[in-house]
Amino acid sequence: MGELLLNERETGKGRLVSVCDAGLIGETFENDDLSLTVNAEFYEGEPADEEAIIGSLAKCSVANLVGTEAVALAVEHGFVEEENVLDIDGTRHAQLLWM
């Protein structure tokens, strides 16, 4: 597994988590009407292992995941269903919202 970055922040509506494949910071991906920029301000965080990321996803209110490995980890552990994952110009993106 490549390096994954984890960013956690508290908001007025709960904990917001972002996870991304480290090599994607600053990249932009586009497909038809979709555009995704992996903005450092939002996605850059601390390098994290699988255990830390799974623990964070279990406690968040909302999560944004970008990158093949970040999304695969969320799918593997049942946080995201494969059919809800977007493929955008060679990378993968998913969002998680607990209601």
Protein backbone atom coordinates (compact mmCIF):
# COMPACT_ATOMS: atom_id res chain seq x y z
CA MET A 1 0.00 0.00 0.00
CA GLY A 2 1.28 3.44 -0.92
CA GLU A 3 1.28 6.38 1.43
CA LEU A 4 -2.15 7.70 2.39
CA LEU A 5 -2.82 11.12 3.92
CA LEU A 6 -5.45 11.64 6.61
CA ASN A 7 -6.91 15.02 7.54
CA GLU A 8 -9.46 15.36 10.35
CA ARG A 9 -11.26 18.52 11.37
CA GLU A 10 -14.15 19.33 13.64
CA THR A 11 -17.01 21.33 12.15
CA GLY A 12 -20.31 22.59 13.50
CA LYS A 13 -21.89 19.47 12.00
CA GLY A 14 -19.40 16.90 13.24
CA ARG A 15 -16.05 15.48 12.23
CA LEU A 16 -15.00 15.93 8.59
CA VAL A 17 -12.36 13.48 7.35
CA SER A 18 -10.44 13.50 4.10
CA VAL A 19 -8.22 10.67 2.91
CA CYS A 20 -6.18 10.65 -0.27
CA ASP A 21 -3.36 8.87 -2.00
CA ALA A 22 -0.31 11.04 -1.20
CA GLY A 23 0.83 11.44 -4.79
CA LEU A 24 -2.39 13.14 -5.87
CA ILE A 25 -2.04 16.45 -3.97
CA GLY A 26 -2.34 19.31 -6.46
CA GLU A 27 -3.67 17.14 -9.30
CA THR A 28 -6.90 17.83 -11.20
CA PHE A 29 -9.01 15.08 -12.76
CA GLU A 30 -11.78 15.70 -15.29
CA ASN A 31 -14.44 13.57 -16.98
CA ASP A 32 -17.21 15.12 -19.05
CA ASP A 33 -18.96 17.46 -16.59
CA LEU A 34 -16.99 16.34 -13.52
CA SER A 35 -13.86 18.04 -12.26
CA LEU A 36 -11.99 17.12 -9.08
CA THR A 37 -8.99 19.05 -7.80
CA VAL A 38 -7.08 17.43 -4.95
CA ASN A 39 -6.57 20.69 -3.11
CA ALA A 40 -3.73 20.63 -0.57
CA GLU A 41 -5.67 22.84 1.84
CA PHE A 42 -8.45 20.27 2.05
CA TYR A 43 -6.73 16.92 1.49
CA GLU A 44 -3.18 17.32 2.76
CA GLY A 45 -2.79 15.72 6.16
CA GLU A 46 -0.59 13.39 8.11
CA PRO A 47 0.60 10.09 6.68
CA ALA A 48 -1.58 7.39 8.20
CA ASP A 49 -1.74 3.62 8.27
CA GLU A 50 -4.79 1.47 7.61
CA GLU A 51 -5.74 1.21 11.29
CA ALA A 52 -5.75 5.00 11.80
CA ILE A 53 -7.80 5.61 8.67
CA ILE A 54 -10.40 2.95 9.51
CA GLY A 55 -10.71 4.34 13.06
CA SER A 56 -11.18 7.84 11.71
CA LEU A 57 -13.82 6.78 9.16
CA ALA A 58 -15.72 4.96 11.91
CA LYS A 59 -15.96 8.19 13.96
CA CYS A 60 -16.58 10.77 11.24
CA SER A 61 -19.79 12.48 10.17
CA VAL A 62 -18.62 13.09 6.61
CA ALA A 63 -15.62 11.81 4.64
CA ASN A 64 -14.14 12.57 1.23
CA LEU A 65 -11.83 9.99 -0.30
CA VAL A 66 -9.74 10.33 -3.43
CA GLY A 67 -7.32 7.94 -5.05
CA THR A 68 -7.35 4.29 -5.95
CA GLU A 69 -5.88 3.10 -2.66
CA ALA A 70 -7.85 5.41 -0.36
CA VAL A 71 -11.16 4.41 -1.95
CA ALA A 72 -10.24 0.70 -2.06
CA LEU A 73 -9.57 0.77 1.69
CA ALA A 74 -12.99 2.31 2.39
CA VAL A 75 -14.72 -0.23 0.15
CA GLU A 76 -12.81 -3.16 1.64
CA HIS A 77 -13.91 -2.20 5.16
CA GLY A 78 -17.55 -1.57 4.23
CA PHE A 79 -17.64 2.22 4.53
CA VAL A 80 -18.39 2.76 0.84
CA GLU A 81 -20.22 0.56 -1.64
CA GLU A 82 -18.40 -0.07 -4.91
CA GLU A 83 -21.38 1.05 -7.00
CA ASN A 84 -21.19 4.51 -5.37
CA VAL A 85 -17.58 5.13 -6.38
CA LEU A 86 -16.85 7.59 -9.18
CA ASP A 87 -14.05 7.01 -11.67
CA ILE A 88 -12.73 10.38 -12.79
CA ASP A 89 -9.96 10.55 -15.38
CA GLY A 90 -7.88 7.73 -13.95
CA THR A 91 -8.55 8.11 -10.25
CA ARG A 92 -11.38 7.19 -7.91
CA HIS A 93 -13.51 9.38 -5.63
CA ALA A 94 -16.10 8.60 -2.99
CA GLN A 95 -17.96 10.44 -0.28
CA LEU A 96 -19.29 9.06 2.97
CA LEU A 97 -22.12 10.66 4.92
CA TRP A 98 -23.49 9.12 8.12
CA MET A 99 -27.14 9.99 8.71
